[in-house]
Amino acid sequence: MRAFFEAIGYLFTDILFLPMDMFRALELENWWIANIITWIFIIICCAATVYWIKQLQIFKENRDDEQDTTAHSFLS
């Protein structure tokens, strides 16, 4: 059982986190390039937020978002 957990530790520390070690070493040279993954996620999240707000505005203009609070008998 111990070998199983050591294999998981080896997988994460020596194989899967290898790109992160590269970025950590790169940070000493150029901070912007080292944090490129973070900037990509920030751009994706900003784009998704803008898209979501536009879709909400479309539904609001079409009055598709009107909710009837009396849909259940206990709400009336």
PDB file of N, CA and C in Angstrom:
ATOM      1  N   MET A   1       0.819  -1.186   0.000  1.00  0.00           N
ATOM      2  CA  MET A   1       0.000   0.000   0.000  1.00  0.00           C
ATOM      3  C   MET A   1       0.866   1.254   0.000  1.00  0.00           C
ATOM      4  N   ARG A   2       2.004   1.160   0.683  1.00  0.00           N
ATOM      5  CA  ARG A   2       2.902   2.310   0.733  1.00  0.00           C
ATOM      6  C   ARG A   2       3.435   2.654  -0.661  1.00  0.00           C
ATOM      7  N   ALA A   3       3.731   1.647  -1.464  1.00  0.00           N
ATOM      8  CA  ALA A   3       4.241   1.870  -2.806  1.00  0.00           C
ATOM      9  C   ALA A   3       3.206   2.591  -3.672  1.00  0.00           C
ATOM     10  N   PHE A   4       1.940   2.290  -3.432  1.00  0.00           N
ATOM     11  CA  PHE A   4       0.872   2.959  -4.185  1.00  0.00           C
ATOM     12  C   PHE A   4       0.880   4.468  -3.928  1.00  0.00           C
ATOM     13  N   PHE A   5       0.975   4.858  -2.651  1.00  0.00           N
ATOM     14  CA  PHE A   5       0.979   6.272  -2.322  1.00  0.00           C
ATOM     15  C   PHE A   5       2.276   6.953  -2.758  1.00  0.00           C
ATOM     16  N   GLU A   6       3.383   6.223  -2.712  1.00  0.00           N
ATOM     17  CA  GLU A   6       4.640   6.774  -3.228  1.00  0.00           C
ATOM     18  C   GLU A   6       4.560   6.972  -4.738  1.00  0.00           C
ATOM     19  N   ALA A   7       3.851   6.083  -5.433  1.00  0.00           N
ATOM     20  CA  ALA A   7       3.678   6.238  -6.878  1.00  0.00           C
ATOM     21  C   ALA A   7       2.826   7.469  -7.188  1.00  0.00           C
ATOM     22  N   ILE A   8       1.786   7.699  -6.386  1.00  0.00           N
ATOM     23  CA  ILE A   8       0.964   8.901  -6.569  1.00  0.00           C
ATOM     24  C   ILE A   8       1.803  10.146  -6.315  1.00  0.00           C
ATOM     25  N   GLY A   9       2.620  10.127  -5.267  1.00  0.00           N
ATOM     26  CA  GLY A   9       3.501  11.250  -4.969  1.00  0.00           C
ATOM     27  C   GLY A   9       4.482  11.503  -6.092  1.00  0.00           C
ATOM     28  N   TYR A  10       5.063  10.433  -6.634  1.00  0.00           N
ATOM     29  CA  TYR A  10       5.995  10.572  -7.751  1.00  0.00           C
ATOM     30  C   TYR A  10       5.293  11.151  -8.976  1.00  0.00           C
ATOM     31  N   LEU A  11       4.096  10.670  -9.261  1.00  0.00           N
ATOM     32  CA  LEU A  11       3.343  11.144 -10.416  1.00  0.00           C
ATOM     33  C   LEU A  11       3.133  12.655 -10.342  1.00  0.00           C
ATOM     34  N   PHE A  12       2.692  13.134  -9.194  1.00  0.00           N
ATOM     35  CA  PHE A  12       2.389  14.553  -9.077  1.00  0.00           C
ATOM     36  C   PHE A  12       3.640  15.411  -8.990  1.00  0.00           C
ATOM     37  N   THR A  13       4.610  15.019  -8.183  1.00  0.00           N
ATOM     38  CA  THR A  13       5.764  15.893  -7.978  1.00  0.00           C
ATOM     39  C   THR A  13       6.746  15.874  -9.134  1.00  0.00           C
ATOM     40  N   ASP A  14       6.943  14.722  -9.752  1.00  0.00           N
ATOM     41  CA  ASP A  14       7.985  14.620 -10.773  1.00  0.00           C
ATOM     42  C   ASP A  14       7.467  14.661 -12.205  1.00  0.00           C
ATOM     43  N   ILE A  15       6.183  14.415 -12.416  1.00  0.00           N
ATOM     44  CA  ILE A  15       5.677  14.371 -13.796  1.00  0.00           C
ATOM     45  C   ILE A  15       4.662  15.482 -14.046  1.00  0.00           C
ATOM     46  N   LEU A  16       3.570  15.497 -13.290  1.00  0.00           N
ATOM     47  CA  LEU A  16       2.485  16.439 -13.582  1.00  0.00           C
ATOM     48  C   LEU A  16       2.832  17.881 -13.226  1.00  0.00           C
ATOM     49  N   PHE A  17       3.663  18.090 -12.215  1.00  0.00           N
ATOM     50  CA  PHE A  17       4.030  19.449 -11.832  1.00  0.00           C
ATOM     51  C   PHE A  17       5.295  19.940 -12.520  1.00  0.00           C
ATOM     52  N   LEU A  18       5.836  19.183 -13.455  1.00  0.00           N
ATOM     53  CA  LEU A  18       7.039  19.591 -14.174  1.00  0.00           C
ATOM     54  C   LEU A  18       6.859  20.915 -14.907  1.00  0.00           C
ATOM     55  N   PRO A  19       5.728  21.159 -15.591  1.00  0.00           N
ATOM     56  CA  PRO A  19       5.544  22.477 -16.218  1.00  0.00           C
ATOM     57  C   PRO A  19       5.500  23.610 -15.193  1.00  0.00           C
ATOM     58  N   MET A  20       4.937  23.359 -14.016  1.00  0.00           N
ATOM     59  CA  MET A  20       4.899  24.398 -12.991  1.00  0.00           C
ATOM     60  C   MET A  20       6.292  24.715 -12.470  1.00  0.00           C
ATOM     61  N   ASP A  21       7.163  23.700 -12.388  1.00  0.00           N
ATOM     62  CA  ASP A  21       8.548  23.958 -12.005  1.00  0.00           C
ATOM     63  C   ASP A  21       9.246  24.824 -13.050  1.00  0.00           C
ATOM     64  N   MET A  22       8.907  24.590 -14.320  1.00  0.00           N
ATOM     65  CA  MET A  22       9.477  25.408 -15.392  1.00  0.00           C
ATOM     66  C   MET A  22       9.034  26.863 -15.240  1.00  0.00           C
ATOM     67  N   PHE A  23       7.762  27.075 -14.951  1.00  0.00           N
ATOM     68  CA  PHE A  23       7.270  28.440 -14.757  1.00  0.00           C
ATOM     69  C   PHE A  23       7.887  29.086 -13.522  1.00  0.00           C
ATOM     70  N   ARG A  24       8.110  28.296 -12.474  1.00  0.00           N
ATOM     71  CA  ARG A  24       8.723  28.834 -11.261  1.00  0.00           C
ATOM     72  C   ARG A  24      10.149  29.309 -11.543  1.00  0.00           C
ATOM     73  N   ALA A  25      10.903  28.551 -12.334  1.00  0.00           N
ATOM     74  CA  ALA A  25      12.255  28.962 -12.685  1.00  0.00           C
ATOM     75  C   ALA A  25      12.227  30.164 -13.630  1.00  0.00           C
ATOM     76  N   LEU A  26      11.218  30.200 -14.489  1.00  0.00           N
ATOM     77  CA  LEU A  26      11.097  31.302 -15.451  1.00  0.00           C
ATOM     78  C   LEU A  26      10.721  32.609 -14.767  1.00  0.00           C
ATOM     79  N   GLU A  27      10.085  32.529 -13.599  1.00  0.00           N
ATOM     80  CA  GLU A  27       9.636  33.729 -12.903  1.00  0.00           C
ATOM     81  C   GLU A  27      10.801  34.657 -12.539  1.00  0.00           C
ATOM     82  N   LEU A  28      11.965  34.086 -12.323  1.00  0.00           N
ATOM     83  CA  LEU A  28      13.122  34.905 -11.991  1.00  0.00           C
ATOM     84  C   LEU A  28      13.573  35.752 -13.182  1.00  0.00           C
ATOM     85  N   GLU A  29      13.246  35.311 -14.388  1.00  0.00           N
ATOM     86  CA  GLU A  29      13.637  36.051 -15.588  1.00  0.00           C
ATOM     87  C   GLU A  29      12.558  37.027 -16.038  1.00  0.00           C
ATOM     88  N   ASN A  30      11.310  36.558 -16.131  1.00  0.00           N
ATOM     89  CA  ASN A  30      10.234  37.407 -16.632  1.00  0.00           C
ATOM     90  C   ASN A  30       8.936  37.011 -15.941  1.00  0.00           C
ATOM     91  N   TRP A  31       8.410  37.924 -15.114  1.00  0.00           N
ATOM     92  CA  TRP A  31       7.204  37.652 -14.340  1.00  0.00           C
ATOM     93  C   TRP A  31       5.994  37.488 -15.242  1.00  0.00           C
ATOM     94  N   TRP A  32       5.871  38.281 -16.294  1.00  0.00           N
ATOM     95  CA  TRP A  32       4.699  38.256 -17.175  1.00  0.00           C
ATOM     96  C   TRP A  32       4.572  36.919 -17.904  1.00  0.00           C
ATOM     97  N   ILE A  33       5.670  36.417 -18.416  1.00  0.00           N
ATOM     98  CA  ILE A  33       5.625  35.137 -19.126  1.00  0.00           C
ATOM     99  C   ILE A  33       5.362  33.994 -18.145  1.00  0.00           C
ATOM    100  N   ALA A  34       5.922  34.077 -16.956  1.00  0.00           N
ATOM    101  CA  ALA A  34       5.729  33.015 -15.967  1.00  0.00           C
ATOM    102  C   ALA A  34       4.275  32.909 -15.538  1.00  0.00           C
ATOM    103  N   ASN A  35       3.535  33.994 -15.578  1.00  0.00           N
ATOM    104  CA  ASN A  35       2.140  33.989 -15.155  1.00  0.00           C
ATOM    105  C   ASN A  35       1.173  33.975 -16.340  1.00  0.00           C
ATOM    106  N   ILE A  36       1.604  33.468 -17.469  1.00  0.00           N
ATOM    107  CA  ILE A  36       0.776  33.456 -18.677  1.00  0.00           C
ATOM    108  C   ILE A  36      -0.483  32.605 -18.478  1.00  0.00           C
ATOM    109  N   ILE A  37      -0.385  31.509 -17.728  1.00  0.00           N
ATOM    110  CA  ILE A  37      -1.566  30.671 -17.494  1.00  0.00           C
ATOM    111  C   ILE A  37      -2.620  31.450 -16.721  1.00  0.00           C
ATOM    112  N   THR A  38      -2.188  32.194 -15.722  1.00  0.00           N
ATOM    113  CA  THR A  38      -3.118  33.011 -14.954  1.00  0.00           C
ATOM    114  C   THR A  38      -3.789  34.045 -15.838  1.00  0.00           C
ATOM    115  N   TRP A  39      -3.029  34.697 -16.691  1.00  0.00           N
ATOM    116  CA  TRP A  39      -3.596  35.728 -17.574  1.00  0.00           C
ATOM    117  C   TRP A  39      -4.574  35.117 -18.573  1.00  0.00           C
ATOM    118  N   ILE A  40      -4.268  33.921 -19.053  1.00  0.00           N
ATOM    119  CA  ILE A  40      -5.195  33.256 -19.979  1.00  0.00           C
ATOM    120  C   ILE A  40      -6.526  32.965 -19.277  1.00  0.00           C
ATOM    121  N   PHE A  41      -6.472  32.451 -18.047  1.00  0.00           N
ATOM    122  CA  PHE A  41      -7.703  32.181 -17.302  1.00  0.00           C
ATOM    123  C   PHE A  41      -8.470  33.459 -16.996  1.00  0.00           C
ATOM    124  N   ILE A  42      -7.765  34.537 -16.699  1.00  0.00           N
ATOM    125  CA  ILE A  42      -8.437  35.814 -16.441  1.00  0.00           C
ATOM    126  C   ILE A  42      -9.157  36.299 -17.691  1.00  0.00           C
ATOM    127  N   ILE A  43      -8.523  36.192 -18.840  1.00  0.00           N
ATOM    128  CA  ILE A  43      -9.151  36.610 -20.098  1.00  0.00           C
ATOM    129  C   ILE A  43     -10.367  35.745 -20.409  1.00  0.00           C
ATOM    130  N   ILE A  44     -10.258  34.421 -20.207  1.00  0.00           N
ATOM    131  CA  ILE A  44     -11.388  33.529 -20.450  1.00  0.00           C
ATOM    132  C   ILE A  44     -12.551  33.871 -19.531  1.00  0.00           C
ATOM    133  N   CYS A  45     -12.271  34.118 -18.262  1.00  0.00           N
ATOM    134  CA  CYS A  45     -13.338  34.455 -17.312  1.00  0.00           C
ATOM    135  C   CYS A  45     -13.989  35.787 -17.647  1.00  0.00           C
ATOM    136  N   CYS A  46     -13.197  36.768 -18.056  1.00  0.00           N
ATOM    137  CA  CYS A  46     -13.769  38.061 -18.445  1.00  0.00           C
ATOM    138  C   CYS A  46     -14.659  37.914 -19.677  1.00  0.00           C
ATOM    139  N   ALA A  47     -14.218  37.143 -20.657  1.00  0.00           N
ATOM    140  CA  ALA A  47     -15.022  36.928 -21.853  1.00  0.00           C
ATOM    141  C   ALA A  47     -16.322  36.194 -21.515  1.00  0.00           C
ATOM    142  N   ALA A  48     -16.255  35.203 -20.655  1.00  0.00           N
ATOM    143  CA  ALA A  48     -17.460  34.466 -20.259  1.00  0.00           C
ATOM    144  C   ALA A  48     -18.429  35.370 -19.499  1.00  0.00           C
ATOM    145  N   THR A  49     -17.897  36.252 -18.667  1.00  0.00           N
ATOM    146  CA  THR A  49     -18.753  37.168 -17.920  1.00  0.00           C
ATOM    147  C   THR A  49     -19.454  38.144 -18.850  1.00  0.00           C
ATOM    148  N   VAL A  50     -18.726  38.686 -19.818  1.00  0.00           N
ATOM    149  CA  VAL A  50     -19.331  39.607 -20.783  1.00  0.00           C
ATOM    150  C   VAL A  50     -20.404  38.892 -21.591  1.00  0.00           C
ATOM    151  N   TYR A  51     -20.144  37.658 -22.038  1.00  0.00           N
ATOM    152  CA  TYR A  51     -21.134  36.888 -22.786  1.00  0.00           C
ATOM    153  C   TYR A  51     -22.380  36.637 -21.938  1.00  0.00           C
ATOM    154  N   TRP A  52     -22.188  36.278 -20.686  1.00  0.00           N
ATOM    155  CA  TRP A  52     -23.299  35.986 -19.793  1.00  0.00           C
ATOM    156  C   TRP A  52     -24.156  37.231 -19.574  1.00  0.00           C
ATOM    157  N   ILE A  53     -23.517  38.374 -19.374  1.00  0.00           N
ATOM    158  CA  ILE A  53     -24.264  39.617 -19.164  1.00  0.00           C
ATOM    159  C   ILE A  53     -25.035  40.001 -20.425  1.00  0.00           C
ATOM    160  N   LYS A  54     -24.443  39.794 -21.594  1.00  0.00           N
ATOM    161  CA  LYS A  54     -25.166  40.069 -22.848  1.00  0.00           C
ATOM    162  C   LYS A  54     -26.383  39.159 -22.993  1.00  0.00           C
ATOM    163  N   GLN A  55     -26.223  37.895 -22.643  1.00  0.00           N
ATOM    164  CA  GLN A  55     -27.357  36.969 -22.728  1.00  0.00           C
ATOM    165  C   GLN A  55     -28.456  37.357 -21.743  1.00  0.00           C
ATOM    166  N   LEU A  56     -28.088  37.784 -20.549  1.00  0.00           N
ATOM    167  CA  LEU A  56     -29.084  38.245 -19.584  1.00  0.00           C
ATOM    168  C   LEU A  56     -29.836  39.464 -20.110  1.00  0.00           C
ATOM    169  N   GLN A  57     -29.113  40.352 -20.774  1.00  0.00           N
ATOM    170  CA  GLN A  57     -29.752  41.548 -21.333  1.00  0.00           C
ATOM    171  C   GLN A  57     -30.739  41.174 -22.437  1.00  0.00           C
ATOM    172  N   ILE A  58     -30.387  40.193 -23.268  1.00  0.00           N
ATOM    173  CA  ILE A  58     -31.284  39.741 -24.335  1.00  0.00           C
ATOM    174  C   ILE A  58     -32.577  39.180 -23.732  1.00  0.00           C
ATOM    175  N   PHE A  59     -32.455  38.341 -22.713  1.00  0.00           N
ATOM    176  CA  PHE A  59     -33.637  37.775 -22.081  1.00  0.00           C
ATOM    177  C   PHE A  59     -34.463  38.847 -21.384  1.00  0.00           C
ATOM    178  N   LYS A  60     -33.804  39.849 -20.831  1.00  0.00           N
ATOM    179  CA  LYS A  60     -34.527  40.926 -20.163  1.00  0.00           C
ATOM    180  C   LYS A  60     -35.316  41.755 -21.175  1.00  0.00           C
ATOM    181  N   GLU A  61     -34.727  42.023 -22.337  1.00  0.00           N
ATOM    182  CA  GLU A  61     -35.419  42.788 -23.377  1.00  0.00           C
ATOM    183  C   GLU A  61     -36.611  42.028 -23.936  1.00  0.00           C
ATOM    184  N   ASN A  62     -36.507  40.703 -24.045  1.00  0.00           N
ATOM    185  CA  ASN A  62     -37.601  39.880 -24.569  1.00  0.00           C
ATOM    186  C   ASN A  62     -38.624  39.516 -23.497  1.00  0.00           C
ATOM    187  N   ARG A  63     -38.369  39.922 -22.292  1.00  0.00           N
ATOM    188  CA  ARG A  63     -39.209  39.607 -21.129  1.00  0.00           C
ATOM    189  C   ARG A  63     -39.369  38.095 -20.938  1.00  0.00           C
ATOM    190  N   ASP A  64     -38.327  37.361 -21.248  1.00  0.00           N
ATOM    191  CA  ASP A  64     -38.338  35.912 -21.033  1.00  0.00           C
ATOM    192  C   ASP A  64     -37.933  35.549 -19.608  1.00  0.00           C
ATOM    193  N   ASP A  65     -37.456  36.508 -18.868  1.00  0.00           N
ATOM    194  CA  ASP A  65     -36.987  36.217 -17.523  1.00  0.00           C
ATOM    195  C   ASP A  65     -38.019  36.534 -16.454  1.00  0.00           C
ATOM    196  N   GLU A  66     -39.248  36.830 -16.848  1.00  0.00           N
ATOM    197  CA  GLU A  66     -40.288  37.111 -15.871  1.00  0.00           C
ATOM    198  C   GLU A  66     -40.602  35.833 -15.103  1.00  0.00           C
ATOM    199  N   GLN A  67     -40.596  35.917 -13.796  1.00  0.00           N
ATOM    200  CA  GLN A  67     -40.876  34.754 -12.970  1.00  0.00           C
ATOM    201  C   GLN A  67     -42.155  34.989 -12.185  1.00  0.00           C
ATOM    202  N   ASP A  68     -43.013  34.002 -12.212  1.00  0.00           N
ATOM    203  CA  ASP A  68     -44.260  34.070 -11.459  1.00  0.00           C
ATOM    204  C   ASP A  68     -44.030  33.437 -10.098  1.00  0.00           C
ATOM    205  N   THR A  69     -44.088  34.244  -9.059  1.00  0.00           N
ATOM    206  CA  THR A  69     -43.813  33.719  -7.734  1.00  0.00           C
ATOM    207  C   THR A  69     -44.967  32.902  -7.185  1.00  0.00           C
ATOM    208  N   THR A  70     -46.082  32.856  -7.889  1.00  0.00           N
ATOM    209  CA  THR A  70     -47.222  32.044  -7.430  1.00  0.00           C
ATOM    210  C   THR A  70     -47.244  30.691  -8.152  1.00  0.00           C
ATOM    211  N   ALA A  71     -46.096  30.233  -8.613  1.00  0.00           N
ATOM    212  CA  ALA A  71     -46.051  28.960  -9.313  1.00  0.00           C
ATOM    213  C   ALA A  71     -46.371  27.797  -8.389  1.00  0.00           C
ATOM    214  N   HIS A  72     -46.134  27.961  -7.105  1.00  0.00           N
ATOM    215  CA  HIS A  72     -46.464  26.938  -6.134  1.00  0.00           C
ATOM    216  C   HIS A  72     -47.512  27.464  -5.167  1.00  0.00           C
ATOM    217  N   SER A  73     -48.330  26.584  -4.705  1.00  0.00           N
ATOM    218  CA  SER A  73     -49.427  26.996  -3.850  1.00  0.00           C
ATOM    219  C   SER A  73     -48.959  27.600  -2.525  1.00  0.00           C
ATOM    220  N   PHE A  74     -47.811  27.175  -2.044  1.00  0.00           N
ATOM    221  CA  PHE A  74     -47.347  27.700  -0.772  1.00  0.00           C
ATOM    222  C   PHE A  74     -46.735  29.098  -0.906  1.00  0.00           C
ATOM    223  N   LEU A  75     -46.528  29.582  -2.104  1.00  0.00           N
ATOM    224  CA  LEU A  75     -45.982  30.938  -2.310  1.00  0.00           C
ATOM    225  C   LEU A  75     -47.079  31.996  -2.443  1.00  0.00           C
ATOM    226  N   SER A  76     -48.310  31.605  -2.608  1.00  0.00           N
ATOM    227  CA  SER A  76     -49.369  32.599  -2.822  1.00  0.00           C
ATOM    228  C   SER A  76     -49.970  33.100  -1.528  1.00  0.00           C
TER     229      SER A  76
END
